[in-house]
């Protein structure tokens, strides 16, 4: 089980970092036009930033779930 969960944890952590970096890049690529956007709803740049933020939160939550499963399977680090 550990051989599956540890790589899964690393994958989720990597995806969270990737989403964070993509979100930061999208934020840095924002222009003054994005902030003065008058169209319906959010601008395309804002949609990309929101998507990356949601992905980052999703992958962080999945990584936390994997850590909780690992802790539960190992007895929470307690010695018996």
C-alpha atoms as a PDB file:
ATOM      1  CA  UNK A   1       0.000   0.000   0.000  1.00  0.00           C
ATOM      2  CA  UNK A   2       2.866   2.359   0.795  1.00  0.00           C
ATOM      3  CA  UNK A   3       4.323   1.710  -2.652  1.00  0.00           C
ATOM      4  CA  UNK A   4       1.175   3.153  -4.176  1.00  0.00           C
ATOM      5  CA  UNK A   5       0.450   5.980  -1.742  1.00  0.00           C
ATOM      6  CA  UNK A   6       3.903   7.561  -1.599  1.00  0.00           C
ATOM      7  CA  UNK A   7       4.202   8.036  -5.388  1.00  0.00           C
ATOM      8  CA  UNK A   8       0.588   9.226  -5.409  1.00  0.00           C
ATOM      9  CA  UNK A   9       1.464  11.780  -2.733  1.00  0.00           C
ATOM     10  CA  UNK A  10       4.452  12.981  -4.756  1.00  0.00           C
ATOM     11  CA  UNK A  11       2.287  13.307  -7.871  1.00  0.00           C
ATOM     12  CA  UNK A  12      -0.341  15.378  -6.032  1.00  0.00           C
ATOM     13  CA  UNK A  13       2.344  17.580  -4.499  1.00  0.00           C
ATOM     14  CA  UNK A  14       3.913  18.121  -7.917  1.00  0.00           C
ATOM     15  CA  UNK A  15       0.541  18.978  -9.446  1.00  0.00           C
ATOM     16  CA  UNK A  16      -0.130  21.469  -6.645  1.00  0.00           C
ATOM     17  CA  UNK A  17       3.215  23.184  -7.275  1.00  0.00           C
ATOM     18  CA  UNK A  18       2.579  23.160 -11.047  1.00  0.00           C
ATOM     19  CA  UNK A  19      -0.851  24.758 -10.551  1.00  0.00           C
ATOM     20  CA  UNK A  20       0.635  27.359  -8.210  1.00  0.00           C
ATOM     21  CA  UNK A  21       3.307  28.300 -10.732  1.00  0.00           C
ATOM     22  CA  UNK A  22       0.768  28.453 -13.598  1.00  0.00           C
ATOM     23  CA  UNK A  23      -1.470  30.683 -11.456  1.00  0.00           C
ATOM     24  CA  UNK A  24       1.397  33.010 -10.606  1.00  0.00           C
ATOM     25  CA  UNK A  25       2.393  33.225 -14.266  1.00  0.00           C
ATOM     26  CA  UNK A  26      -1.209  33.985 -15.256  1.00  0.00           C
ATOM     27  CA  UNK A  27      -1.314  36.694 -12.589  1.00  0.00           C
ATOM     28  CA  UNK A  28       1.951  38.217 -13.780  1.00  0.00           C
ATOM     29  CA  UNK A  29       0.680  38.199 -17.371  1.00  0.00           C
ATOM     30  CA  UNK A  30      -2.354  40.230 -16.351  1.00  0.00           C
ATOM     31  CA  UNK A  31      -2.559  43.532 -18.096  1.00  0.00           C
ATOM     32  CA  UNK A  32      -4.280  46.766 -17.249  1.00  0.00           C
ATOM     33  CA  UNK A  33      -6.965  45.781 -19.757  1.00  0.00           C
ATOM     34  CA  UNK A  34      -7.790  42.718 -17.636  1.00  0.00           C
ATOM     35  CA  UNK A  35      -8.424  44.922 -14.628  1.00  0.00           C
ATOM     36  CA  UNK A  36     -10.575  47.303 -16.667  1.00  0.00           C
ATOM     37  CA  UNK A  37     -12.540  44.472 -18.306  1.00  0.00           C
ATOM     38  CA  UNK A  38     -16.145  45.573 -18.874  1.00  0.00           C
ATOM     39  CA  UNK A  39     -17.543  42.391 -20.431  1.00  0.00           C
ATOM     40  CA  UNK A  40     -20.000  39.946 -18.945  1.00  0.00           C
ATOM     41  CA  UNK A  41     -18.523  37.904 -16.121  1.00  0.00           C
ATOM     42  CA  UNK A  42     -14.836  37.382 -15.558  1.00  0.00           C
ATOM     43  CA  UNK A  43     -12.124  38.107 -18.096  1.00  0.00           C
ATOM     44  CA  UNK A  44     -10.329  35.165 -19.725  1.00  0.00           C
ATOM     45  CA  UNK A  45      -7.231  35.877 -17.626  1.00  0.00           C
ATOM     46  CA  UNK A  46      -9.293  35.847 -14.432  1.00  0.00           C
ATOM     47  CA  UNK A  47     -10.835  32.531 -15.449  1.00  0.00           C
ATOM     48  CA  UNK A  48      -7.376  30.988 -15.895  1.00  0.00           C
ATOM     49  CA  UNK A  49      -6.258  32.281 -12.486  1.00  0.00           C
ATOM     50  CA  UNK A  50      -9.414  30.952 -10.813  1.00  0.00           C
ATOM     51  CA  UNK A  51      -9.009  27.566 -12.495  1.00  0.00           C
ATOM     52  CA  UNK A  52      -5.381  27.295 -11.368  1.00  0.00           C
ATOM     53  CA  UNK A  53      -6.300  28.302  -7.808  1.00  0.00           C
ATOM     54  CA  UNK A  54      -9.050  25.686  -7.688  1.00  0.00           C
ATOM     55  CA  UNK A  55      -6.689  23.037  -9.093  1.00  0.00           C
ATOM     56  CA  UNK A  56      -4.045  23.894  -6.492  1.00  0.00           C
ATOM     57  CA  UNK A  57      -6.547  23.592  -3.658  1.00  0.00           C
ATOM     58  CA  UNK A  58      -7.877  20.315  -5.086  1.00  0.00           C
ATOM     59  CA  UNK A  59      -4.406  18.757  -5.347  1.00  0.00           C
ATOM     60  CA  UNK A  60      -3.419  19.970  -1.883  1.00  0.00           C
ATOM     61  CA  UNK A  61      -6.574  18.410  -0.441  1.00  0.00           C
ATOM     62  CA  UNK A  62      -5.868  15.119  -2.200  1.00  0.00           C
ATOM     63  CA  UNK A  63      -2.282  15.162  -0.883  1.00  0.00           C
ATOM     64  CA  UNK A  64      -3.600  15.728   2.653  1.00  0.00           C
ATOM     65  CA  UNK A  65      -5.994  12.778   2.259  1.00  0.00           C
ATOM     66  CA  UNK A  66      -3.092  10.563   1.158  1.00  0.00           C
ATOM     67  CA  UNK A  67      -1.021  11.698   4.169  1.00  0.00           C
ATOM     68  CA  UNK A  68      -3.951  10.920   6.472  1.00  0.00           C
ATOM     69  CA  UNK A  69      -4.256   7.428   4.975  1.00  0.00           C
ATOM     70  CA  UNK A  70      -0.519   6.879   5.370  1.00  0.00           C
ATOM     71  CA  UNK A  71      -0.660   7.994   9.006  1.00  0.00           C
ATOM     72  CA  UNK A  72      -3.672   5.789   9.710  1.00  0.00           C
ATOM     73  CA  UNK A  73      -2.009   2.791   8.061  1.00  0.00           C
ATOM     74  CA  UNK A  74       1.201   3.306  10.022  1.00  0.00           C
ATOM     75  CA  UNK A  75      -0.596   3.715  13.347  1.00  0.00           C
ATOM     76  CA  UNK A  76      -0.147   7.481  13.435  1.00  0.00           C
ATOM     77  CA  UNK A  77       3.520   7.216  14.286  1.00  0.00           C
ATOM     78  CA  UNK A  78       2.852   5.710  17.703  1.00  0.00           C
ATOM     79  CA  UNK A  79       5.039   2.887  18.892  1.00  0.00           C
ATOM     80  CA  UNK A  80       3.205  -0.053  20.416  1.00  0.00           C
END
